[in-house]
Amino acid sequence: MWRSLPAEKSVFLACCRACAPFHFPFFLTACSPASLTPLNSPRAEVAPTPASLEESQRPVPSVHPLDAKDDATRVVAQYLELTDQIGADGGEGAARIHTVVTTRWYPREEAGFDEYRLRNIRTIGQTKFDGLEVQSVRIDRDGLLEVAVFLCVDSTGVLVVPSNSPEPPEDLLQWLQGATAPETPDEATAQAWEEFLSTYEAHRGFREPILVWLRGEEMSTLRIDSTENWMGAHPCGGVD
């Protein structure tokens, strides 16, 4: 969550609040609503269709939601770590992300990192996540496990800067990431931060609710297969 600054530091605040449409983790797909239904929530009864009848005849996976949560958490954590690494390298080495995404989804990731190279930008900082909850576990039409999860992805501790930009002031990065930094920087510190942000047109990430679908032959081989921004009410809060 963004911390408040005195009114005279509004220039600094404006610089930090700007968020460009760069490839932050999970934010590559179009924003469209999706069902955020807890596992045990009653669903509205509808007349069965051929597709729903087919789905009802598929085998039910013998996977406990808690086990699915552990494996999904592992994959998401690996994905965010790799995304930060590739972003820090200016989009170079995008193939590294292939270890945690499906072959079908990889071109979307590759296109996002290609944009880094085209714009000559890189990222600084670390992406975090919380609030991960399993929404469903099922067997898809290909006989693969499909796990859907909701989570809050927090890129507010990440800056997008030109590739030739120097590192930001260390205390600025610590402040963005919520580490041990002053609630309100003194005048000299704020001026140094403003100078860096405005000189290098740095853009800060944001906090967003995301739906993620993972697929695999078994829980240990789950990979991210698609993502979607959640557009309804959610527990993730945001940046004011």
Protein backbone atom coordinates (compact mmCIF):
# COMPACT_ATOMS: atom_id res chain seq x y z
CA MET A 1 0.00 0.00 0.00
CA TRP A 2 1.30 3.45 -0.92
CA ARG A 3 2.33 5.55 2.07
CA SER A 4 1.29 9.18 2.28
CA LEU A 5 3.68 12.08 1.68
CA PRO A 6 3.39 15.76 2.59
CA ALA A 7 1.65 17.95 0.01
CA GLU A 8 4.89 19.62 -1.04
CA LYS A 9 6.16 16.26 -2.29
CA SER A 10 3.28 15.85 -4.76
CA VAL A 11 5.68 15.79 -7.73
CA PHE A 12 7.36 12.71 -6.31
CA LEU A 13 3.98 11.10 -5.66
CA ALA A 14 2.83 11.79 -9.22
CA CYS A 15 5.98 10.22 -10.64
CA CYS A 16 5.55 7.07 -8.61
CA ARG A 17 1.84 6.67 -9.29
CA ALA A 18 2.30 6.56 -13.07
CA CYS A 19 1.85 3.01 -14.29
CA ALA A 20 2.70 2.20 -17.90
CA PRO A 21 1.19 -0.83 -19.68
CA PHE A 22 4.38 -2.85 -19.47
CA HIS A 23 4.62 -6.59 -18.92
CA PHE A 24 4.24 -6.95 -15.20
CA PRO A 25 3.58 -10.53 -14.12
CA PHE A 26 0.18 -11.92 -15.20
CA PHE A 27 -0.94 -8.65 -16.79
CA LEU A 28 -0.57 -9.74 -20.40
CA THR A 29 -4.08 -11.01 -21.05
CA ALA A 30 -7.20 -9.04 -21.76
CA CYS A 31 -9.20 -7.92 -18.74
CA SER A 32 -12.50 -9.72 -18.63
CA PRO A 33 -14.70 -10.94 -15.77
CA ALA A 34 -14.54 -14.55 -14.70
CA SER A 35 -16.21 -16.71 -12.09
CA LEU A 36 -14.72 -16.39 -8.62
CA THR A 37 -16.61 -19.19 -6.93
CA PRO A 38 -15.31 -20.89 -3.76
CA LEU A 39 -15.05 -24.66 -3.97
CA ASN A 40 -17.99 -25.29 -1.65
CA SER A 41 -20.27 -22.46 -2.78
CA PRO A 42 -23.64 -23.49 -4.25
CA ARG A 43 -23.95 -22.80 -7.96
CA ALA A 44 -27.13 -21.68 -9.66
CA GLU A 45 -28.97 -24.63 -11.19
CA VAL A 46 -29.10 -24.55 -14.97
CA ALA A 47 -30.44 -26.93 -17.58
CA PRO A 48 -27.71 -29.39 -18.59
CA THR A 49 -26.12 -28.88 -22.00
CA PRO A 50 -24.16 -31.45 -24.03
CA ALA A 51 -20.94 -29.77 -22.89
CA SER A 52 -21.92 -29.82 -19.22
CA LEU A 53 -23.06 -33.44 -19.48
CA GLU A 54 -19.72 -34.33 -21.03
CA GLU A 55 -17.90 -32.56 -18.23
CA SER A 56 -19.99 -34.29 -15.57
CA GLN A 57 -18.91 -37.64 -16.97
CA ARG A 58 -15.21 -36.87 -16.63
CA PRO A 59 -13.35 -38.53 -13.76
CA VAL A 60 -13.10 -36.52 -10.56
CA PRO A 61 -9.45 -35.96 -9.54
CA SER A 62 -8.46 -37.46 -6.21
CA VAL A 63 -6.65 -34.29 -5.19
CA HIS A 64 -7.28 -32.42 -1.96
CA PRO A 65 -7.61 -28.65 -2.44
CA LEU A 66 -4.88 -28.06 0.16
CA ASP A 67 -2.46 -30.17 -1.87
CA ALA A 68 -3.44 -28.25 -4.99
CA LYS A 69 -2.82 -24.99 -3.14
CA ASP A 70 0.69 -26.04 -2.15
CA ASP A 71 1.65 -26.96 -5.71
CA ALA A 72 0.00 -23.89 -7.24
CA THR A 73 1.78 -21.67 -4.73
CA ARG A 74 5.10 -23.26 -5.66
CA VAL A 75 4.56 -22.67 -9.40
CA VAL A 76 3.35 -19.09 -8.95
CA ALA A 77 6.35 -18.27 -6.74
CA GLN A 78 8.74 -19.71 -9.34
CA TYR A 79 6.97 -17.81 -12.11
CA LEU A 80 7.23 -14.46 -10.34
CA GLU A 81 10.89 -15.03 -9.48
CA LEU A 82 11.70 -15.82 -13.11
CA THR A 83 9.65 -12.89 -14.37
CA ASP A 84 11.59 -10.52 -12.12
CA GLN A 85 14.88 -12.00 -13.33
CA ILE A 86 13.98 -11.73 -17.02
CA GLY A 87 12.58 -8.25 -16.51
CA ALA A 88 15.79 -7.17 -14.79
CA ASP A 89 17.68 -8.47 -17.83
CA GLY A 90 15.60 -6.28 -20.13
CA GLY A 91 13.57 -9.19 -21.52
CA GLU A 92 16.61 -11.25 -22.49
CA GLY A 93 16.47 -14.98 -21.82
CA ALA A 94 12.68 -15.22 -21.95
CA ALA A 95 12.99 -18.98 -22.56
CA ARG A 96 13.65 -19.37 -18.84
CA ILE A 97 9.93 -18.89 -18.19
CA HIS A 98 9.19 -22.04 -20.21
CA THR A 99 9.89 -24.14 -17.12
CA VAL A 100 6.75 -22.84 -15.38
CA VAL A 101 4.30 -22.18 -18.25
CA THR A 102 2.72 -24.49 -20.80
CA THR A 103 3.84 -24.61 -24.41
CA ARG A 104 0.51 -23.06 -25.38
CA TRP A 105 0.99 -20.08 -23.06
CA TYR A 106 4.67 -19.47 -23.70
CA PRO A 107 4.21 -17.28 -26.84
CA ARG A 108 2.19 -14.80 -24.77
CA GLU A 109 5.03 -14.52 -22.28
CA GLU A 110 7.63 -14.25 -25.02
CA ALA A 111 5.69 -11.42 -26.68
CA GLY A 112 5.59 -9.51 -23.41
CA PHE A 113 9.34 -9.74 -22.93
CA ASP A 114 9.94 -8.86 -26.58
CA GLU A 115 8.28 -5.55 -25.73
CA TYR A 116 10.99 -4.92 -23.15
CA ARG A 117 13.67 -5.24 -25.80
CA LEU A 118 11.78 -3.09 -28.29
CA ARG A 119 11.30 -0.31 -25.73
CA ASN A 120 14.77 -0.70 -24.19
CA ILE A 121 13.41 -1.04 -20.66
CA ARG A 122 14.08 -3.21 -17.65
CA THR A 123 12.64 -3.75 -14.19
CA ILE A 124 14.08 -3.18 -10.74
CA GLY A 125 12.61 -4.76 -7.64
CA GLN A 126 10.66 -7.81 -6.52
CA THR A 127 7.09 -8.92 -7.21
CA LYS A 128 5.14 -10.50 -4.36
CA PHE A 129 1.80 -12.26 -4.02
CA ASP A 130 -0.66 -13.25 -1.31
CA GLY A 131 -4.22 -14.43 -0.81
CA LEU A 132 -3.89 -17.46 -3.09
CA GLU A 133 -7.01 -19.63 -2.95
CA VAL A 134 -7.93 -22.67 -5.01
CA GLN A 135 -11.14 -22.16 -6.99
CA SER A 136 -11.45 -25.53 -8.70
CA VAL A 137 -9.63 -28.79 -9.40
CA ARG A 138 -10.82 -30.90 -12.32
CA ILE A 139 -9.84 -33.16 -15.20
CA ASP A 140 -9.99 -31.33 -18.55
CA ARG A 141 -10.93 -32.73 -21.95
CA ASP A 142 -7.35 -33.79 -22.60
CA GLY A 143 -7.28 -35.83 -19.41
CA LEU A 144 -4.98 -33.34 -17.67
CA LEU A 145 -5.36 -31.87 -14.23
CA GLU A 146 -6.58 -28.29 -14.33
CA VAL A 147 -6.33 -26.11 -11.21
CA ALA A 148 -7.80 -22.61 -11.06
CA VAL A 149 -6.55 -20.22 -8.36
CA PHE A 150 -7.22 -16.63 -7.32
CA LEU A 151 -4.43 -14.48 -5.92
CA CYS A 152 -3.32 -10.91 -5.32
CA VAL A 153 -0.18 -9.99 -7.28
CA ASP A 154 1.77 -7.04 -5.88
CA SER A 155 4.21 -5.25 -8.19
CA THR A 156 4.24 -2.00 -6.20
CA GLY A 157 7.84 -2.76 -5.23
CA VAL A 158 8.89 -2.87 -8.90
CA LEU A 159 10.02 0.01 -11.10
CA VAL A 160 10.20 0.00 -14.90
CA VAL A 161 13.13 2.11 -16.13
CA PRO A 162 15.18 2.56 -19.33
CA SER A 163 17.71 -0.20 -19.88
CA ASN A 164 20.60 2.24 -19.44
CA SER A 165 19.24 3.64 -16.18
CA PRO A 166 21.46 3.41 -13.10
CA GLU A 167 20.19 1.68 -10.00
CA PRO A 168 17.73 3.79 -7.97
CA PRO A 169 18.63 5.10 -4.51
CA GLU A 170 18.67 2.06 -2.23
CA ASP A 171 16.40 3.66 0.34
CA LEU A 172 13.82 4.38 -2.40
CA LEU A 173 13.69 0.73 -3.41
CA GLN A 174 13.42 -0.33 0.24
CA TRP A 175 10.61 2.18 0.75
CA LEU A 176 8.72 0.89 -2.30
CA GLN A 177 9.03 -2.68 -1.08
CA GLY A 178 7.80 -1.82 2.41
CA ALA A 179 11.11 -2.55 4.11
CA THR A 180 12.61 -0.53 6.96
CA ALA A 181 12.43 2.94 5.49
CA PRO A 182 11.03 6.16 6.96
CA GLU A 183 7.27 6.69 6.71
CA THR A 184 7.95 10.18 5.34
CA PRO A 185 11.35 10.89 3.77
CA ASP A 186 13.11 14.10 4.68
CA GLU A 187 13.39 16.92 2.15
CA ALA A 188 16.82 15.93 0.80
CA THR A 189 15.84 12.28 0.43
CA ALA A 190 12.56 13.10 -1.30
CA GLN A 191 14.39 15.41 -3.69
CA ALA A 192 16.87 12.67 -4.61
CA TRP A 193 14.01 10.25 -5.21
CA GLU A 194 12.11 12.76 -7.34
CA GLU A 195 15.21 13.46 -9.40
CA PHE A 196 15.73 9.78 -10.18
CA LEU A 197 12.07 9.09 -10.98
CA SER A 198 11.65 12.10 -13.24
CA THR A 199 15.05 11.87 -14.95
CA TYR A 200 14.60 8.22 -15.92
CA GLU A 201 10.79 8.30 -16.30
CA ALA A 202 10.44 5.44 -13.86
CA HIS A 203 7.04 3.73 -13.61
CA ARG A 204 5.87 1.85 -10.58
CA GLY A 205 3.97 -1.43 -10.68
CA PHE A 206 0.58 -2.00 -9.11
CA ARG A 207 -1.42 -4.48 -7.06
CA GLU A 208 -4.02 -6.53 -8.92
CA PRO A 209 -6.37 -9.49 -8.42
CA ILE A 210 -5.58 -12.31 -10.83
CA LEU A 211 -7.11 -15.65 -11.82
CA VAL A 212 -4.60 -18.30 -12.91
CA TRP A 213 -5.23 -21.65 -14.56
CA LEU A 214 -2.58 -24.35 -14.25
CA ARG A 215 -2.47 -27.65 -16.12
CA GLY A 216 -0.36 -30.78 -15.87
CA GLU A 217 -0.41 -34.55 -15.93
CA GLU A 218 -0.07 -34.51 -12.15
CA MET A 219 0.28 -31.97 -9.38
CA SER A 220 4.07 -32.00 -9.51
CA THR A 221 4.06 -31.05 -13.20
CA LEU A 222 1.55 -28.19 -13.08
CA ARG A 223 2.36 -25.24 -15.34
CA ILE A 224 0.61 -21.91 -15.84
CA ASP A 225 -1.70 -22.26 -18.84
CA SER A 226 -3.58 -18.94 -18.83
CA THR A 227 -4.28 -15.92 -16.66
CA GLU A 228 -7.00 -13.30 -16.40
CA ASN A 229 -7.42 -10.04 -14.53
CA TRP A 230 -10.30 -10.19 -12.05
CA MET A 231 -12.60 -7.19 -12.57
CA GLY A 232 -15.16 -7.61 -9.75
CA ALA A 233 -15.00 -7.10 -5.99
CA HIS A 234 -11.89 -8.62 -4.44
CA PRO A 235 -9.81 -8.61 -1.23
CA CYS A 236 -6.60 -7.29 -2.80
CA GLY A 237 -6.99 -3.60 -2.06
CA GLY A 238 -4.87 -1.39 -4.28
CA VAL A 239 -2.73 1.68 -4.59
CA ASP A 240 -4.50 4.94 -3.76
